[in-house]
Protein backbone atom coordinates (compact mmCIF):
# COMPACT_ATOMS: atom_id res chain seq x y z
CA UNK A 1 116.95 336.97 108.04
CA UNK A 2 118.32 337.41 104.62
CA UNK A 3 119.06 335.13 101.70
CA UNK A 4 120.82 335.94 98.52
CA UNK A 5 120.60 334.47 95.09
CA UNK A 6 122.68 334.91 91.95
CA UNK A 7 123.96 333.21 88.91
CA UNK A 8 127.45 331.43 89.02
CA UNK A 9 129.22 329.45 86.28
CA UNK A 10 129.83 326.51 88.49
CA UNK A 11 129.75 325.44 92.26
CA UNK A 12 131.40 327.84 94.66
CA UNK A 13 132.76 327.41 98.19
CA UNK A 14 131.12 328.98 101.36
CA UNK A 15 134.11 331.43 101.57
CA UNK A 16 133.51 332.61 97.86
CA UNK A 17 129.75 332.81 98.69
CA UNK A 18 130.38 334.87 101.67
CA UNK A 19 132.71 337.23 99.95
CA UNK A 20 130.35 337.63 97.00
CA UNK A 21 127.52 338.41 99.39
CA UNK A 22 129.60 341.07 101.36
CA UNK A 23 130.57 342.61 98.11
CA UNK A 24 126.92 342.90 97.16
CA UNK A 25 125.79 340.08 94.98
CA UNK A 26 124.26 340.88 91.64
CA UNK A 27 120.52 341.02 91.38
CA UNK A 28 118.92 337.77 90.32
CA UNK A 29 117.14 337.78 86.92
CA UNK A 30 113.67 339.22 86.71
CA UNK A 31 112.15 335.67 86.35
CA UNK A 32 113.28 334.79 89.83
CA UNK A 33 112.03 337.91 91.36
CA UNK A 34 108.70 337.50 89.67
CA UNK A 35 108.35 333.91 90.71
CA UNK A 36 109.29 334.95 94.37
CA UNK A 37 106.82 337.77 94.43
CA UNK A 38 104.00 335.34 93.24
CA UNK A 39 104.94 332.82 95.94
CA UNK A 40 105.18 335.31 98.77
CA UNK A 41 103.36 338.47 97.86
CA UNK A 42 104.50 341.48 100.07
CA UNK A 43 107.55 339.70 101.34
CA UNK A 44 111.15 340.49 100.48
CA UNK A 45 114.02 337.87 100.11
CA UNK A 46 116.42 340.35 101.84
CA UNK A 47 114.20 340.71 104.84
CA UNK A 48 112.43 337.65 105.97
CA UNK A 49 110.50 337.79 109.23
CA UNK A 50 111.77 335.28 111.78
CA UNK A 51 108.47 333.57 112.15
CA UNK A 52 108.46 332.81 108.32
CA UNK A 53 112.09 331.79 107.99
CA UNK A 54 111.58 327.93 107.58
CA UNK A 55 108.67 328.35 105.06
CA UNK A 56 110.23 330.99 102.92
CA UNK A 57 113.93 329.78 103.08
CA UNK A 58 112.95 326.32 101.88
CA UNK A 59 110.95 327.45 99.08
CA UNK A 60 113.72 330.04 98.05
CA UNK A 61 116.18 327.23 97.92
CA UNK A 62 113.99 325.30 95.54
CA UNK A 63 113.14 328.37 93.41
CA UNK A 64 116.74 329.34 93.06
CA UNK A 65 117.56 325.83 91.76
CA UNK A 66 114.73 326.10 89.28
CA UNK A 67 116.18 329.35 88.01
CA UNK A 68 119.76 328.10 87.85
CA UNK A 69 120.90 330.21 90.62
CA UNK A 70 123.04 329.51 93.78
CA UNK A 71 121.49 330.66 97.11
CA UNK A 72 123.49 331.74 100.10
CA UNK A 73 122.26 331.77 103.62
CA UNK A 74 124.41 334.22 105.63
CA UNK A 75 122.99 333.40 108.93
CA UNK A 76 123.96 329.72 108.53
CA UNK A 77 126.95 330.55 106.27
CA UNK A 78 125.90 327.93 103.87
CA UNK A 79 125.65 328.02 100.05
CA UNK A 80 123.27 326.01 98.04
CA UNK A 81 125.00 325.08 94.70
CA UNK A 82 123.28 323.48 91.76
CA UNK A 83 125.77 320.59 91.61
CA UNK A 84 127.05 318.10 92.17
CA UNK A 85 124.12 316.22 93.60
CA UNK A 86 123.56 312.84 94.76
CA UNK A 87 121.81 310.00 92.96
CA UNK A 88 118.39 310.38 94.67
CA UNK A 89 116.43 313.49 93.28
CA UNK A 90 113.66 312.69 95.93
CA UNK A 91 116.14 312.98 98.84
CA UNK A 92 115.56 315.73 101.36
CA UNK A 93 117.99 316.97 103.88
CA UNK A 94 116.48 318.01 107.23
CA UNK A 95 118.51 319.80 110.07
CA UNK A 96 117.66 320.23 113.66
CA UNK A 97 117.51 324.13 113.14
CA UNK A 98 114.73 323.80 110.72
CA UNK A 99 116.31 323.76 107.28
CA UNK A 100 114.72 321.39 104.64
CA UNK A 101 116.41 321.17 101.17
CA UNK A 102 115.16 319.05 98.38
CA UNK A 103 117.80 317.03 96.45
CA UNK A 104 120.75 318.84 98.21
CA UNK A 105 124.05 319.26 96.39
CA UNK A 106 127.08 317.23 97.96
CA UNK A 107 129.04 320.30 99.08
CA UNK A 108 126.00 321.61 101.20
CA UNK A 109 125.62 318.12 102.72
CA UNK A 110 129.35 318.22 103.75
CA UNK A 111 129.22 321.90 105.03
CA UNK A 112 126.05 321.36 106.97
CA UNK A 113 127.60 318.56 109.05
CA UNK A 114 129.97 321.20 110.34
CA UNK A 115 127.05 322.94 111.94
CA UNK A 116 126.01 320.02 114.29
CA UNK A 117 125.58 321.53 117.78
CA UNK A 118 122.94 321.99 120.62
CA UNK A 119 121.25 324.54 118.24
CA UNK A 120 121.32 322.02 115.33
CA UNK A 121 121.06 318.63 116.93
CA UNK A 122 120.79 316.46 113.83
CA UNK A 123 121.38 316.24 110.09
CA UNK A 124 119.11 313.74 108.14
CA UNK A 125 119.08 312.58 104.62
CA UNK A 126 115.76 311.04 103.66
CA UNK A 127 114.18 309.22 100.87
CA UNK A 128 110.68 308.96 102.47
CA UNK A 129 109.32 305.49 102.46
CA UNK A 130 112.64 303.95 101.12
CA UNK A 131 115.66 304.70 103.32
CA UNK A 132 117.57 307.41 105.41
CA UNK A 133 120.74 308.23 107.16
CA UNK A 134 121.01 310.63 110.09
CA UNK A 135 123.74 311.80 112.41
CA UNK A 136 123.43 313.48 115.78
CA UNK A 137 126.19 315.25 118.04
CA UNK A 138 128.49 312.51 119.36
CA UNK A 139 128.41 311.35 115.72
CA UNK A 140 125.90 308.54 116.23
CA UNK A 141 124.85 307.50 112.75
CA UNK A 142 121.60 305.85 111.94
CA UNK A 143 120.94 304.03 108.79
CA UNK A 144 117.64 302.60 107.61
CA UNK A 145 117.08 300.44 104.54
CA UNK A 146 114.68 297.58 103.70
CA UNK A 147 112.80 298.17 107.02
CA UNK A 148 115.94 297.71 109.10
CA UNK A 149 117.39 300.32 111.32
CA UNK A 150 121.06 300.05 112.27
CA UNK A 151 123.13 302.37 114.37
CA UNK A 152 126.93 302.89 114.96
CA UNK A 153 129.04 305.72 116.52
CA UNK A 154 132.35 307.24 115.45
CA UNK A 155 134.47 309.97 116.98
CA UNK A 156 135.60 311.26 113.50
CA UNK A 157 133.54 314.01 111.59
CA UNK A 158 135.44 313.32 108.48
CA UNK A 159 134.21 309.65 108.67
CA UNK A 160 130.67 310.89 109.19
CA UNK A 161 131.06 313.09 106.13
CA UNK A 162 132.49 310.27 104.00
CA UNK A 163 129.64 307.93 105.05
CA UNK A 164 126.91 310.59 104.40
CA UNK A 165 128.22 311.38 100.95
CA UNK A 166 128.63 307.71 100.13
CA UNK A 167 124.96 307.22 101.15
CA UNK A 168 123.78 310.36 99.01
CA UNK A 169 125.57 308.86 95.91
CA UNK A 170 124.18 305.39 96.26
CA UNK A 171 127.50 303.87 97.58
CA UNK A 172 126.98 301.58 100.62
CA UNK A 173 130.71 301.06 101.38
CA UNK A 174 130.21 302.77 104.81
CA UNK A 175 128.29 299.56 105.93
CA UNK A 176 131.55 297.53 105.68
CA UNK A 177 133.67 300.09 107.57
CA UNK A 178 131.60 300.21 110.85
CA UNK A 179 130.17 297.86 113.35
CA UNK A 180 126.36 298.40 113.12
CA UNK A 181 123.90 297.46 115.83
CA UNK A 182 120.09 296.86 115.17
CA UNK A 183 117.90 299.57 116.62
C-alpha cells in the first residue's frame, strides 16, 4: 500500500489528487518525514506492509493534517483535505474496510459514501459518548442522539450524502425529511 502527502493551497478533488499522484507528487517537507520516521522506525510511506495498513494509514492521515498537508490514498482513490471540516473536532469517521479518520473533511465524507459495497459495508460518523450517524448498503441510516437510536431507509445516495453532511455540520434538518423508527 502507498500513501502520498504534499502541500496544496486549498482543497482538491479526487481527480486532481489522482493526477498529481500519477505525475509524482512533490516530496513532503522534512518535518513530516522526520515525524513519520519517529512514529514508524524502519517503515516507508510509499510501501506499507498489508498487515500494518490500518495502523499506519490512520496515523499518516492525522500526521499530514498536523503538518498542513493533503494525503492521497491511491488504493481507495480518496483524498484527505485540510478543510472544510464539520463542527465536531472529536468526530471520527469509520469505514467497513478499516479506515479511521479523526475530524474528517466534508469532501472526504462525501467521497467515502461512494465506496459503500460488500468490501466496505458501512460508513459511520461518531462522536463517542454523544451521538453518531451511520449508513450501510441499501442506504439504511441510523442516528443516535440523547440515548435514542432511530433508523430510516432511502434509495437515494444523494440524500444519504446530504443527511451525513448535515449531521457533520451540526444541522439536524435530515430528521424532518425522513420517517424514523426507534431501534
